[in-house]
Amino acid sequence: MSGSSNNIGTPPPQDAWIDTYQKLFPQWKSLALSHQSWIPISISRVNQFDAARLDIEMSAMLKEQLVKVFSLMKPGMLFQYEPELDAFLEFLIWRFSIWVDKPTPGNALMNLRYRDERAMEARSKVRTGLEGPGLTVAQKFWYCIATVGGQYMWARLQSFSAFRRWGDSEQRPLARRAWILIQRIEGIYKAASFANLLIFLYTGRYRNLIERALRARLVYGTPNMNRAVSFEYMNRQLVWNEFSEMLLLLLPLLNSSTFKNIFRPFSKDKSSSSTEDDTTCPICQATPTTPFLALPCQHRYCYYCLRTRCAAVASFRCSRCSEPVIAMQRHGVVRP
């Protein structure tokens, strides 16, 4: 009994917890990893496309304001420096948004931000799926070089080759080969962009090739937040644009006199039309300085009004009696 009581009261060694920790740590780690699962997140594709569109509109607004500053200068002078102007505006947007770890104007309105997807693959703890650091300094630099510098160099190269007519040059084979190479590079880039678009529509990641190459993914900045853009004004604008285009297409095909003749029987003011003054021109409602008569109805018109209507419409009808005008005769002159 005394021996057992001595064993119970003997304290364990000081480093016993270290041995226990080393034995149980692999089991605890495997258990934690088994319970930890990757949280799949789905970022709205519409939000990402809208953000890109809003960034383009913002750049266009800044460009319009900047062009107004040079409105009093020589016309056409700013046109030759348009690529430099676009690159300068894109650099400003990059400098005050991505470089300082802030979203672009379009991304801010759509509640989006850039995240380094490479860091998320090595991240062990995931809570909401929206964690993760922003872009690194190298990613920011490469983003600026690709978007600002790449677009500027490509625009300048295309304008220079078109101005030098590399595509039409048959005497210089080097220029012709450079033109063919430019066209092939453009075709490959468009094909790759189309393939990336299909992948983006399927997975919802990386809108363009630059984001895919840099592994810069757009995620929500705040887990619970609605889109800040209302599409009511945009819908009204689209409806009005379609309606105005339809009117611009149909109005030149219609004749005002034909409409007057169609709606004349439905007019309420029939008494005033019957007692209309015959001394004025029915078209311009003025007293003709050189009156001409429309044959055979004998109504007085201005020469210019009657001549232009007869030339514009093959079968012009009189605005008063709706009879077809066959010929015109100067007032007071009787033909033999």
Protein backbone atom coordinates (compact mmCIF):
# COMPACT_ATOMS: atom_id res chain seq x y z
CA MET A 1 0.00 0.00 0.00
CA SER A 2 2.81 2.38 0.81
CA GLY A 3 4.56 1.64 -2.52
CA SER A 4 1.46 2.37 -4.54
CA SER A 5 0.85 5.61 -2.71
CA ASN A 6 4.40 6.69 -3.42
CA ASN A 7 3.95 6.02 -7.20
CA ILE A 8 0.73 8.02 -7.29
CA GLY A 9 2.26 11.00 -5.59
CA THR A 10 5.42 11.04 -7.76
CA PRO A 11 5.25 14.00 -10.24
CA PRO A 12 5.98 13.34 -13.96
CA PRO A 13 9.21 14.61 -15.53
CA GLN A 14 9.32 18.21 -16.65
CA ASP A 15 9.69 17.35 -20.35
CA ALA A 16 6.89 14.81 -20.36
CA TRP A 17 4.47 17.23 -22.07
CA ILE A 18 6.93 17.66 -24.92
CA ASP A 19 6.97 13.94 -25.61
CA THR A 20 3.17 13.83 -25.42
CA TYR A 21 2.88 16.81 -27.80
CA GLN A 22 5.23 15.23 -30.33
CA LYS A 23 3.24 12.01 -30.25
CA LEU A 24 -0.18 13.65 -30.60
CA PHE A 25 0.71 16.48 -33.01
CA PRO A 26 0.60 14.34 -36.23
CA GLN A 27 -2.80 12.98 -35.26
CA TRP A 28 -4.12 16.46 -34.45
CA LYS A 29 -2.79 17.89 -37.73
CA SER A 30 -4.33 15.10 -39.79
CA LEU A 31 -7.63 15.55 -37.96
CA ALA A 32 -7.60 19.33 -38.56
CA LEU A 33 -6.82 18.89 -42.23
CA SER A 34 -9.55 16.29 -42.61
CA HIS A 35 -12.15 18.66 -41.15
CA GLN A 36 -10.86 21.67 -43.10
CA SER A 37 -12.39 21.97 -46.57
CA TRP A 38 -11.88 24.44 -49.38
CA ILE A 39 -14.78 26.85 -49.50
CA PRO A 40 -15.82 27.36 -53.12
CA ILE A 41 -16.96 30.91 -53.83
CA SER A 42 -18.89 32.07 -56.86
CA ILE A 43 -18.31 35.65 -57.99
CA SER A 44 -21.04 37.06 -60.19
CA ARG A 45 -19.87 37.19 -63.79
CA VAL A 46 -22.26 40.07 -64.47
CA ASN A 47 -20.59 42.08 -61.71
CA GLN A 48 -17.17 41.52 -63.22
CA PHE A 49 -18.29 42.48 -66.72
CA ASP A 50 -20.09 45.54 -65.39
CA ALA A 51 -16.97 46.60 -63.50
CA ALA A 52 -14.90 46.43 -66.69
CA ARG A 53 -17.54 48.41 -68.56
CA LEU A 54 -17.68 51.07 -65.85
CA ASP A 55 -13.89 51.43 -65.94
CA ILE A 56 -14.07 52.02 -69.69
CA GLU A 57 -16.81 54.61 -69.22
CA MET A 58 -14.78 56.34 -66.51
CA SER A 59 -11.76 56.52 -68.79
CA ALA A 60 -13.94 57.92 -71.58
CA MET A 61 -15.34 60.60 -69.26
CA LEU A 62 -11.86 61.65 -68.18
CA LYS A 63 -10.74 61.74 -71.79
CA GLU A 64 -13.70 63.91 -72.77
CA GLN A 65 -12.91 66.40 -70.01
CA LEU A 66 -9.24 66.47 -70.97
CA VAL A 67 -10.05 67.05 -74.64
CA LYS A 68 -12.19 70.05 -73.70
CA VAL A 69 -9.10 71.67 -72.17
CA PHE A 70 -7.45 71.68 -75.62
CA SER A 71 -10.62 72.69 -77.50
CA LEU A 72 -9.25 76.17 -78.35
CA MET A 73 -6.05 74.84 -79.85
CA LYS A 74 -5.41 73.83 -83.45
CA PRO A 75 -8.05 71.32 -84.66
CA GLY A 76 -6.70 67.82 -85.14
CA MET A 77 -3.55 68.42 -83.11
CA LEU A 78 -4.69 66.18 -80.26
CA PHE A 79 -5.68 63.37 -82.62
CA GLN A 80 -2.09 62.38 -83.37
CA TYR A 81 -1.36 62.06 -79.66
CA GLU A 82 -4.44 59.99 -78.84
CA PRO A 83 -2.50 56.82 -77.85
CA GLU A 84 -0.38 58.84 -75.41
CA LEU A 85 -3.51 60.42 -73.98
CA ASP A 86 -5.19 57.04 -73.46
CA ALA A 87 -2.05 55.63 -71.84
CA PHE A 88 -1.80 58.63 -69.52
CA LEU A 89 -5.38 58.23 -68.33
CA GLU A 90 -4.98 54.49 -67.82
CA PHE A 91 -1.82 55.15 -65.82
CA LEU A 92 -3.65 57.63 -63.59
CA ILE A 93 -6.40 55.11 -62.88
CA TRP A 94 -3.81 52.42 -62.10
CA ARG A 95 -1.72 54.76 -59.94
CA PHE A 96 -4.59 55.86 -57.68
CA SER A 97 -6.36 52.51 -57.46
CA ILE A 98 -4.38 49.30 -57.90
CA TRP A 99 -1.00 50.69 -56.85
CA VAL A 100 -2.36 51.88 -53.48
CA ASP A 101 -4.31 48.64 -52.87
CA LYS A 102 -7.66 50.16 -53.75
CA PRO A 103 -10.21 48.89 -56.29
CA THR A 104 -10.73 50.64 -59.58
CA PRO A 105 -13.87 52.81 -59.87
CA GLY A 106 -15.79 50.04 -61.60
CA ASN A 107 -14.66 47.42 -59.09
CA ALA A 108 -15.57 49.69 -56.20
CA LEU A 109 -19.10 50.15 -57.53
CA MET A 110 -19.46 46.40 -58.00
CA ASN A 111 -17.98 45.58 -54.55
CA LEU A 112 -14.96 43.81 -56.06
CA ARG A 113 -11.25 43.78 -55.31
CA TYR A 114 -8.17 42.01 -56.64
CA ARG A 115 -6.74 39.09 -54.67
CA ASP A 116 -3.52 37.17 -55.12
CA GLU A 117 -4.79 33.68 -55.86
CA ARG A 118 -1.35 32.13 -55.40
CA ALA A 119 -1.40 33.07 -51.71
CA MET A 120 -4.82 31.47 -51.27
CA GLU A 121 -3.56 28.10 -52.52
CA ALA A 122 -0.94 28.04 -49.75
CA ARG A 123 -3.33 29.38 -47.10
CA SER A 124 -4.24 26.85 -44.40
CA LYS A 125 -7.15 28.59 -42.68
CA VAL A 126 -10.22 29.55 -44.68
CA ARG A 127 -13.26 31.15 -43.07
CA THR A 128 -15.46 32.75 -45.71
CA GLY A 129 -13.51 32.15 -48.91
CA LEU A 130 -13.07 35.90 -49.46
CA GLU A 131 -9.89 36.24 -47.44
CA GLY A 132 -6.54 36.71 -48.98
CA PRO A 133 -3.99 39.44 -49.53
CA GLY A 134 -4.08 41.89 -52.36
CA LEU A 135 -1.68 41.98 -55.26
CA THR A 136 2.03 42.01 -54.65
CA VAL A 137 4.32 44.78 -55.86
CA ALA A 138 5.52 42.61 -58.75
CA GLN A 139 1.96 41.84 -59.80
CA LYS A 140 1.09 45.55 -59.74
CA PHE A 141 4.09 46.43 -61.89
CA TRP A 142 3.35 43.71 -64.42
CA TYR A 143 -0.30 44.74 -64.49
CA CYS A 144 0.73 48.31 -65.35
CA ILE A 145 3.21 47.14 -67.99
CA ALA A 146 0.64 44.85 -69.62
CA THR A 147 -2.39 47.15 -69.53
CA VAL A 148 -0.85 50.60 -69.95
CA GLY A 149 2.41 49.92 -71.75
CA GLY A 150 1.21 46.97 -73.79
CA GLN A 151 -1.90 48.69 -75.12
CA TYR A 152 0.07 51.86 -75.91
CA MET A 153 2.82 50.03 -77.80
CA TRP A 154 0.31 47.95 -79.74
CA ALA A 155 -1.74 51.01 -80.73
CA ARG A 156 1.38 52.87 -81.85
CA LEU A 157 2.65 49.86 -83.79
CA GLN A 158 -0.66 49.47 -85.62
CA SER A 159 -0.89 53.17 -86.49
CA PHE A 160 2.74 53.27 -87.64
CA SER A 161 2.36 50.16 -89.82
CA ALA A 162 -0.88 51.46 -91.31
CA PHE A 163 0.68 54.88 -92.02
CA ARG A 164 3.72 53.27 -93.65
CA ARG A 165 1.47 50.86 -95.57
CA TRP A 166 3.37 47.75 -94.66
CA GLY A 167 0.52 45.60 -95.86
CA ASP A 168 0.60 47.13 -99.37
CA SER A 169 4.37 47.17 -99.72
CA GLU A 170 5.43 44.59 -102.30
CA GLN A 171 8.94 45.96 -102.85
CA ARG A 172 10.06 45.66 -99.24
CA PRO A 173 9.75 42.04 -98.10
CA LEU A 174 10.84 42.86 -94.55
CA ALA A 175 7.94 45.26 -94.02
CA ARG A 176 5.54 42.75 -95.56
CA ARG A 177 6.76 40.02 -93.23
CA ALA A 178 6.41 42.35 -90.23
CA TRP A 179 2.83 43.14 -91.26
CA ILE A 180 2.01 39.43 -91.59
CA LEU A 181 3.59 38.79 -88.19
CA ILE A 182 1.48 41.55 -86.62
CA GLN A 183 -1.68 40.08 -88.10
CA ARG A 184 -0.80 36.61 -86.85
CA ILE A 185 -0.04 37.88 -83.34
CA GLU A 186 -3.35 39.72 -83.32
CA GLY A 187 -5.19 36.61 -84.49
CA ILE A 188 -3.53 34.44 -81.84
CA TYR A 189 -4.36 36.98 -79.13
CA LYS A 190 -8.01 37.14 -80.20
CA ALA A 191 -8.28 33.35 -80.26
CA ALA A 192 -6.70 33.11 -76.81
CA SER A 193 -9.02 35.84 -75.51
CA PHE A 194 -12.04 33.97 -76.86
CA ALA A 195 -10.88 30.74 -75.20
CA ASN A 196 -10.32 32.62 -71.95
CA LEU A 197 -13.83 34.06 -72.23
CA LEU A 198 -15.32 30.59 -72.51
CA ILE A 199 -13.33 29.43 -69.50
CA PHE A 200 -14.39 32.52 -67.57
CA LEU A 201 -18.06 31.91 -68.32
CA TYR A 202 -17.65 28.34 -67.05
CA THR A 203 -15.54 28.97 -63.93
CA GLY A 204 -16.12 32.67 -63.15
CA ARG A 205 -12.39 33.40 -62.76
CA TYR A 206 -10.08 35.77 -64.64
CA ARG A 207 -11.89 38.03 -67.10
CA ASN A 208 -8.90 38.49 -69.40
CA LEU A 209 -5.53 36.99 -70.16
CA ILE A 210 -3.64 39.50 -68.04
CA GLU A 211 -5.53 38.52 -64.89
CA ARG A 212 -5.03 34.84 -65.67
CA ALA A 213 -1.29 35.25 -66.24
CA LEU A 214 -0.85 37.23 -63.01
CA ARG A 215 -3.26 35.02 -61.03
CA ALA A 216 -5.12 38.15 -59.96
CA ARG A 217 -8.68 37.17 -59.17
CA LEU A 218 -11.63 39.44 -58.48
CA VAL A 219 -13.48 38.65 -55.26
CA TYR A 220 -16.06 40.50 -53.21
CA GLY A 221 -14.69 43.23 -50.98
CA THR A 222 -17.55 42.87 -48.48
CA PRO A 223 -19.41 39.57 -48.01
CA ASN A 224 -22.86 41.20 -47.75
CA MET A 225 -23.36 44.10 -50.11
CA ASN A 226 -25.66 44.75 -53.04
CA ARG A 227 -24.61 46.27 -56.31
CA ALA A 228 -24.57 50.06 -56.14
CA VAL A 229 -25.56 50.60 -59.76
CA SER A 230 -29.18 51.06 -60.80
CA PHE A 231 -30.00 49.93 -64.31
CA GLU A 232 -33.26 51.89 -64.65
CA TYR A 233 -31.59 54.83 -66.36
CA MET A 234 -29.66 52.48 -68.63
CA ASN A 235 -32.86 50.68 -69.65
CA ARG A 236 -34.60 53.97 -70.43
CA GLN A 237 -31.60 55.10 -72.44
CA LEU A 238 -31.57 51.88 -74.45
CA VAL A 239 -35.29 52.14 -75.18
CA TRP A 240 -34.96 55.76 -76.26
CA ASN A 241 -31.97 54.97 -78.50
CA GLU A 242 -33.86 52.20 -80.26
CA PHE A 243 -36.94 54.40 -80.66
CA SER A 244 -34.94 57.33 -82.05
CA GLU A 245 -33.10 55.06 -84.49
CA MET A 246 -36.42 53.72 -85.71
CA LEU A 247 -37.73 57.26 -86.24
CA LEU A 248 -34.57 58.29 -88.08
CA LEU A 249 -35.08 55.32 -90.37
CA LEU A 250 -38.79 55.83 -91.05
CA LEU A 251 -39.25 59.61 -91.17
CA PRO A 252 -37.26 60.20 -94.39
CA LEU A 253 -39.46 57.63 -96.11
CA LEU A 254 -42.70 59.42 -95.20
CA ASN A 255 -44.32 62.47 -96.75
CA SER A 256 -45.96 65.15 -94.63
CA SER A 257 -48.60 65.98 -97.21
CA THR A 258 -49.64 62.33 -97.34
CA PHE A 259 -50.19 62.34 -93.60
CA LYS A 260 -52.21 65.53 -93.82
CA ASN A 261 -54.45 64.01 -96.48
CA ILE A 262 -54.89 60.83 -94.44
CA PHE A 263 -55.84 62.61 -91.23
CA ARG A 264 -57.80 65.44 -92.85
CA PRO A 265 -61.18 63.59 -92.69
CA PHE A 266 -60.67 63.07 -88.94
CA SER A 267 -59.89 66.73 -88.29
CA LYS A 268 -62.33 68.54 -85.97
CA ASP A 269 -61.78 71.98 -87.48
CA LYS A 270 -63.55 71.34 -90.78
CA SER A 271 -65.33 74.69 -90.89
CA SER A 272 -62.10 76.67 -90.68
CA SER A 273 -60.51 74.58 -93.44
CA SER A 274 -63.47 75.19 -95.71
CA THR A 275 -63.26 78.94 -95.23
CA GLU A 276 -59.47 79.03 -95.55
CA ASP A 277 -58.03 82.09 -97.25
CA ASP A 278 -57.31 81.26 -100.88
CA THR A 279 -54.87 84.14 -101.25
CA THR A 280 -52.15 82.46 -99.16
CA CYS A 281 -49.92 79.55 -100.11
CA PRO A 282 -51.21 76.33 -98.52
CA ILE A 283 -47.65 75.17 -97.85
CA CYS A 284 -45.90 78.16 -96.28
CA GLN A 285 -49.08 80.06 -95.28
CA ALA A 286 -47.71 83.30 -96.75
CA THR A 287 -48.89 85.57 -99.53
CA PRO A 288 -47.10 84.53 -102.73
CA THR A 289 -44.95 87.26 -104.28
CA THR A 290 -44.97 85.38 -107.59
CA PRO A 291 -48.13 83.28 -107.47
CA PHE A 292 -48.51 80.16 -109.56
CA LEU A 293 -51.64 78.09 -110.08
CA ALA A 294 -51.76 74.34 -109.60
CA LEU A 295 -53.55 72.72 -112.54
CA PRO A 296 -56.30 71.67 -112.76
CA CYS A 297 -57.52 72.80 -109.30
CA GLN A 298 -56.47 76.48 -109.84
CA HIS A 299 -55.23 76.99 -106.27
CA ARG A 300 -52.53 79.61 -105.69
CA TYR A 301 -49.05 78.56 -104.51
CA CYS A 302 -45.63 80.09 -104.19
CA TYR A 303 -43.46 79.07 -107.11
CA TYR A 304 -40.73 77.64 -104.90
CA CYS A 305 -43.16 75.71 -102.68
CA LEU A 306 -45.07 74.20 -105.57
CA ARG A 307 -41.96 73.47 -107.61
CA THR A 308 -40.14 71.69 -104.80
CA ARG A 309 -43.18 69.60 -103.85
CA CYS A 310 -43.78 68.54 -107.44
CA ALA A 311 -40.10 67.63 -107.82
CA ALA A 312 -40.01 65.70 -104.54
CA VAL A 313 -43.24 63.76 -105.03
CA ALA A 314 -44.16 62.31 -108.37
CA SER A 315 -47.90 62.42 -107.66
CA PHE A 316 -48.25 65.53 -105.52
CA ARG A 317 -51.79 66.33 -104.42
CA CYS A 318 -53.12 69.76 -103.65
CA SER A 319 -53.12 70.55 -99.94
CA ARG A 320 -56.62 72.13 -100.17
CA CYS A 321 -58.60 69.84 -102.42
CA SER A 322 -56.39 66.69 -102.45
CA GLU A 323 -56.52 66.56 -106.25
CA PRO A 324 -53.39 65.48 -108.15
CA VAL A 325 -51.41 68.39 -109.56
CA ILE A 326 -50.73 67.79 -113.26
CA ALA A 327 -48.99 71.07 -114.14
CA MET A 328 -48.36 74.60 -112.86
CA GLN A 329 -49.21 77.97 -114.45
CA ARG A 330 -48.24 81.51 -113.54
CA HIS A 331 -51.16 83.51 -112.18
CA GLY A 332 -52.63 85.93 -114.70
CA VAL A 333 -50.98 84.30 -117.73
CA VAL A 334 -53.32 82.44 -120.02
CA ARG A 335 -51.87 79.89 -122.40
CA PRO A 336 -53.25 79.91 -125.97
